[in-house]
Amino acid sequence: MTTLRQGAQRASTSAVVMSGSGSGARSVGMVVGMVTKKVTITLDETDLERIRGLVAAGTSANVSAFVQHAVAVSLDDVAGWGALLAEALRETGGPLTDEERAWADGLLGTDGRRKRPVA
């Protein structure tokens, strides 16, 4: 079940996008036996309207199904890029040395500090 909570004066919309108790198999819009967890996310209103349009057109079963698919595609993409990078590093002699990293940071105009990952 997809539940939407909208604030009248808010610039973004929160949507509960995944549901399931985890205690039993459900087959409505999910793989039978798939354990899910209800979470709340914040989406740009325009993006949510576009997703709802896809649902209305029958392209996606519901908002939750769309977001679940998008997350799966994104995770696969990250894994693919990680594998590609690992292979490239293996073919070119391994990770960058400190000197190579400093050269690349200078060339790219960065200060060499890595950004903290977003949780």
C-alpha atoms as a PDB file:
ATOM      1  CA  MET A   1       0.000   0.000   0.000  1.00  0.00           C
ATOM      2  CA  THR A   2       1.393   3.396  -0.955  1.00  0.00           C
ATOM      3  CA  THR A   3       0.600   6.306   1.310  1.00  0.00           C
ATOM      4  CA  LEU A   4       1.368   9.914   0.467  1.00  0.00           C
ATOM      5  CA  ARG A   5       1.706  12.729   2.968  1.00  0.00           C
ATOM      6  CA  GLN A   6       1.691  16.170   1.456  1.00  0.00           C
ATOM      7  CA  GLY A   7       2.324  19.473   3.201  1.00  0.00           C
ATOM      8  CA  ALA A   8       0.369  22.393   1.776  1.00  0.00           C
ATOM      9  CA  GLN A   9       3.218  24.889   2.186  1.00  0.00           C
ATOM     10  CA  ARG A  10       6.159  22.565   1.474  1.00  0.00           C
ATOM     11  CA  ALA A  11       8.448  22.789  -1.533  1.00  0.00           C
ATOM     12  CA  SER A  12       8.915  19.038  -1.636  1.00  0.00           C
ATOM     13  CA  THR A  13       6.676  16.041  -1.070  1.00  0.00           C
ATOM     14  CA  SER A  14       7.345  13.070   1.183  1.00  0.00           C
ATOM     15  CA  ALA A  15       6.110   9.693   0.049  1.00  0.00           C
ATOM     16  CA  VAL A  16       6.089   6.343   1.774  1.00  0.00           C
ATOM     17  CA  VAL A  17       7.384   4.231  -1.060  1.00  0.00           C
ATOM     18  CA  MET A  18       8.008   0.703   0.128  1.00  0.00           C
ATOM     19  CA  SER A  19       5.740  -1.325   2.299  1.00  0.00           C
ATOM     20  CA  GLY A  20       5.395  -4.726   3.801  1.00  0.00           C
ATOM     21  CA  SER A  21       5.516  -6.190   7.240  1.00  0.00           C
ATOM     22  CA  GLY A  22       8.275  -8.615   6.413  1.00  0.00           C
ATOM     23  CA  SER A  23       6.283 -11.329   8.162  1.00  0.00           C
ATOM     24  CA  GLY A  24       4.485 -12.701   5.134  1.00  0.00           C
ATOM     25  CA  ALA A  25       4.740 -12.961   1.384  1.00  0.00           C
ATOM     26  CA  ARG A  26       2.822 -10.458  -0.689  1.00  0.00           C
ATOM     27  CA  SER A  27       2.422 -10.559  -4.417  1.00  0.00           C
ATOM     28  CA  VAL A  28       0.845  -7.198  -5.177  1.00  0.00           C
ATOM     29  CA  GLY A  29       3.486  -5.325  -7.177  1.00  0.00           C
ATOM     30  CA  MET A  30       6.338  -7.229  -5.574  1.00  0.00           C
ATOM     31  CA  VAL A  31       8.192 -10.468  -5.967  1.00  0.00           C
ATOM     32  CA  VAL A  32       6.484 -13.152  -3.895  1.00  0.00           C
ATOM     33  CA  GLY A  33       8.452 -13.632  -0.689  1.00  0.00           C
ATOM     34  CA  MET A  34      10.310 -10.347  -1.078  1.00  0.00           C
ATOM     35  CA  VAL A  35      10.896  -8.732   2.301  1.00  0.00           C
ATOM     36  CA  THR A  36      10.344  -4.997   2.200  1.00  0.00           C
ATOM     37  CA  LYS A  37      10.607  -2.171   4.670  1.00  0.00           C
ATOM     38  CA  LYS A  38       8.508   0.965   4.754  1.00  0.00           C
ATOM     39  CA  VAL A  39      10.573   4.150   4.440  1.00  0.00           C
ATOM     40  CA  THR A  40       9.806   7.807   3.923  1.00  0.00           C
ATOM     41  CA  ILE A  41      11.665   9.740   1.241  1.00  0.00           C
ATOM     42  CA  THR A  42      11.499  13.298   0.021  1.00  0.00           C
ATOM     43  CA  LEU A  43      11.002  13.907  -3.689  1.00  0.00           C
ATOM     44  CA  ASP A  44      10.819  17.061  -5.689  1.00  0.00           C
ATOM     45  CA  GLU A  45       7.148  17.743  -6.430  1.00  0.00           C
ATOM     46  CA  THR A  46       7.819  17.864 -10.174  1.00  0.00           C
ATOM     47  CA  ASP A  47       9.503  14.449 -10.079  1.00  0.00           C
ATOM     48  CA  LEU A  48       6.614  12.981  -8.094  1.00  0.00           C
ATOM     49  CA  GLU A  49       4.123  14.415 -10.605  1.00  0.00           C
ATOM     50  CA  ARG A  50       6.107  12.823 -13.436  1.00  0.00           C
ATOM     51  CA  ILE A  51       6.148   9.467 -11.630  1.00  0.00           C
ATOM     52  CA  ARG A  52       2.399   9.681 -11.036  1.00  0.00           C
ATOM     53  CA  GLY A  53       1.978  10.413 -14.743  1.00  0.00           C
ATOM     54  CA  LEU A  54       3.846   7.220 -15.573  1.00  0.00           C
ATOM     55  CA  VAL A  55       1.628   5.323 -13.153  1.00  0.00           C
ATOM     56  CA  ALA A  56      -1.493   6.839 -14.731  1.00  0.00           C
ATOM     57  CA  ALA A  57      -0.209   5.838 -18.185  1.00  0.00           C
ATOM     58  CA  GLY A  58       0.311   2.277 -16.983  1.00  0.00           C
ATOM     59  CA  THR A  59       4.101   2.419 -17.358  1.00  0.00           C
ATOM     60  CA  SER A  60       4.549   1.603 -13.668  1.00  0.00           C
ATOM     61  CA  ALA A  61       2.193  -0.202 -11.294  1.00  0.00           C
ATOM     62  CA  ASN A  62       2.468   2.448  -8.577  1.00  0.00           C
ATOM     63  CA  VAL A  63       4.867   4.967  -7.022  1.00  0.00           C
ATOM     64  CA  SER A  64       6.477   2.294  -4.834  1.00  0.00           C
ATOM     65  CA  ALA A  65       7.132   0.014  -7.804  1.00  0.00           C
ATOM     66  CA  PHE A  66       8.721   2.886  -9.726  1.00  0.00           C
ATOM     67  CA  VAL A  67      11.014   3.860  -6.844  1.00  0.00           C
ATOM     68  CA  GLN A  68      11.950   0.231  -6.138  1.00  0.00           C
ATOM     69  CA  HIS A  69      12.916  -0.211  -9.789  1.00  0.00           C
ATOM     70  CA  ALA A  70      14.867   3.062  -9.836  1.00  0.00           C
ATOM     71  CA  VAL A  71      16.795   2.038  -6.706  1.00  0.00           C
ATOM     72  CA  ALA A  72      17.609  -1.393  -8.180  1.00  0.00           C
ATOM     73  CA  VAL A  73      18.852   0.199 -11.433  1.00  0.00           C
ATOM     74  CA  SER A  74      20.951   2.709  -9.502  1.00  0.00           C
ATOM     75  CA  LEU A  75      22.522   0.023  -7.302  1.00  0.00           C
ATOM     76  CA  ASP A  76      23.336  -2.072 -10.371  1.00  0.00           C
ATOM     77  CA  ASP A  77      24.846   1.008 -12.031  1.00  0.00           C
ATOM     78  CA  VAL A  78      27.066   1.725  -9.017  1.00  0.00           C
ATOM     79  CA  ALA A  79      28.206  -1.910  -8.915  1.00  0.00           C
ATOM     80  CA  GLY A  80      28.954  -1.829 -12.647  1.00  0.00           C
ATOM     81  CA  TRP A  81      31.030   1.339 -12.412  1.00  0.00           C
ATOM     82  CA  GLY A  82      32.872  -0.112  -9.423  1.00  0.00           C
ATOM     83  CA  ALA A  83      33.729  -3.246 -11.389  1.00  0.00           C
ATOM     84  CA  LEU A  84      34.809  -1.155 -14.393  1.00  0.00           C
ATOM     85  CA  LEU A  85      37.040   1.010 -12.213  1.00  0.00           C
ATOM     86  CA  ALA A  86      38.569  -2.051 -10.509  1.00  0.00           C
ATOM     87  CA  GLU A  87      39.336  -3.593 -13.905  1.00  0.00           C
ATOM     88  CA  ALA A  88      40.846  -0.348 -15.211  1.00  0.00           C
ATOM     89  CA  LEU A  89      43.037  -0.063 -12.116  1.00  0.00           C
ATOM     90  CA  ARG A  90      44.176  -3.689 -12.518  1.00  0.00           C
ATOM     91  CA  GLU A  91      45.090  -3.039 -16.156  1.00  0.00           C
ATOM     92  CA  THR A  92      46.989   0.166 -15.411  1.00  0.00           C
ATOM     93  CA  GLY A  93      49.024  -0.885 -12.378  1.00  0.00           C
ATOM     94  CA  GLY A  94      46.679  -0.455  -9.424  1.00  0.00           C
ATOM     95  CA  PRO A  95      45.428   2.497  -7.407  1.00  0.00           C
ATOM     96  CA  LEU A  96      46.892   5.956  -7.829  1.00  0.00           C
ATOM     97  CA  THR A  97      50.009   6.801  -5.864  1.00  0.00           C
ATOM     98  CA  ASP A  98      49.962   9.897  -3.662  1.00  0.00           C
ATOM     99  CA  GLU A  99      51.991  11.708  -6.312  1.00  0.00           C
ATOM    100  CA  GLU A 100      49.610  10.712  -9.109  1.00  0.00           C
ATOM    101  CA  ARG A 101      46.617  11.773  -7.011  1.00  0.00           C
ATOM    102  CA  ALA A 102      48.230  15.159  -6.256  1.00  0.00           C
ATOM    103  CA  TRP A 103      48.936  15.652  -9.976  1.00  0.00           C
ATOM    104  CA  ALA A 104      45.319  14.768 -10.878  1.00  0.00           C
ATOM    105  CA  ASP A 105      43.937  17.020  -8.122  1.00  0.00           C
ATOM    106  CA  GLY A 106      46.062  19.900  -9.442  1.00  0.00           C
ATOM    107  CA  LEU A 107      44.936  19.261 -13.003  1.00  0.00           C
ATOM    108  CA  LEU A 108      41.269  19.101 -11.973  1.00  0.00           C
ATOM    109  CA  GLY A 109      41.520  22.092  -9.634  1.00  0.00           C
ATOM    110  CA  THR A 110      40.463  20.172  -6.536  1.00  0.00           C
ATOM    111  CA  ASP A 111      42.080  20.393  -3.139  1.00  0.00           C
ATOM    112  CA  GLY A 112      42.377  16.623  -2.782  1.00  0.00           C
ATOM    113  CA  ARG A 113      39.870  16.279   0.027  1.00  0.00           C
ATOM    114  CA  ARG A 114      37.211  13.687  -0.543  1.00  0.00           C
ATOM    115  CA  LYS A 115      33.610  14.600   0.084  1.00  0.00           C
ATOM    116  CA  ARG A 116      31.845  12.744   2.854  1.00  0.00           C
ATOM    117  CA  PRO A 117      29.265  10.282   1.479  1.00  0.00           C
ATOM    118  CA  VAL A 118      25.645  11.285   1.892  1.00  0.00           C
ATOM    119  CA  ALA A 119      23.814   8.944   4.251  1.00  0.00           C
END
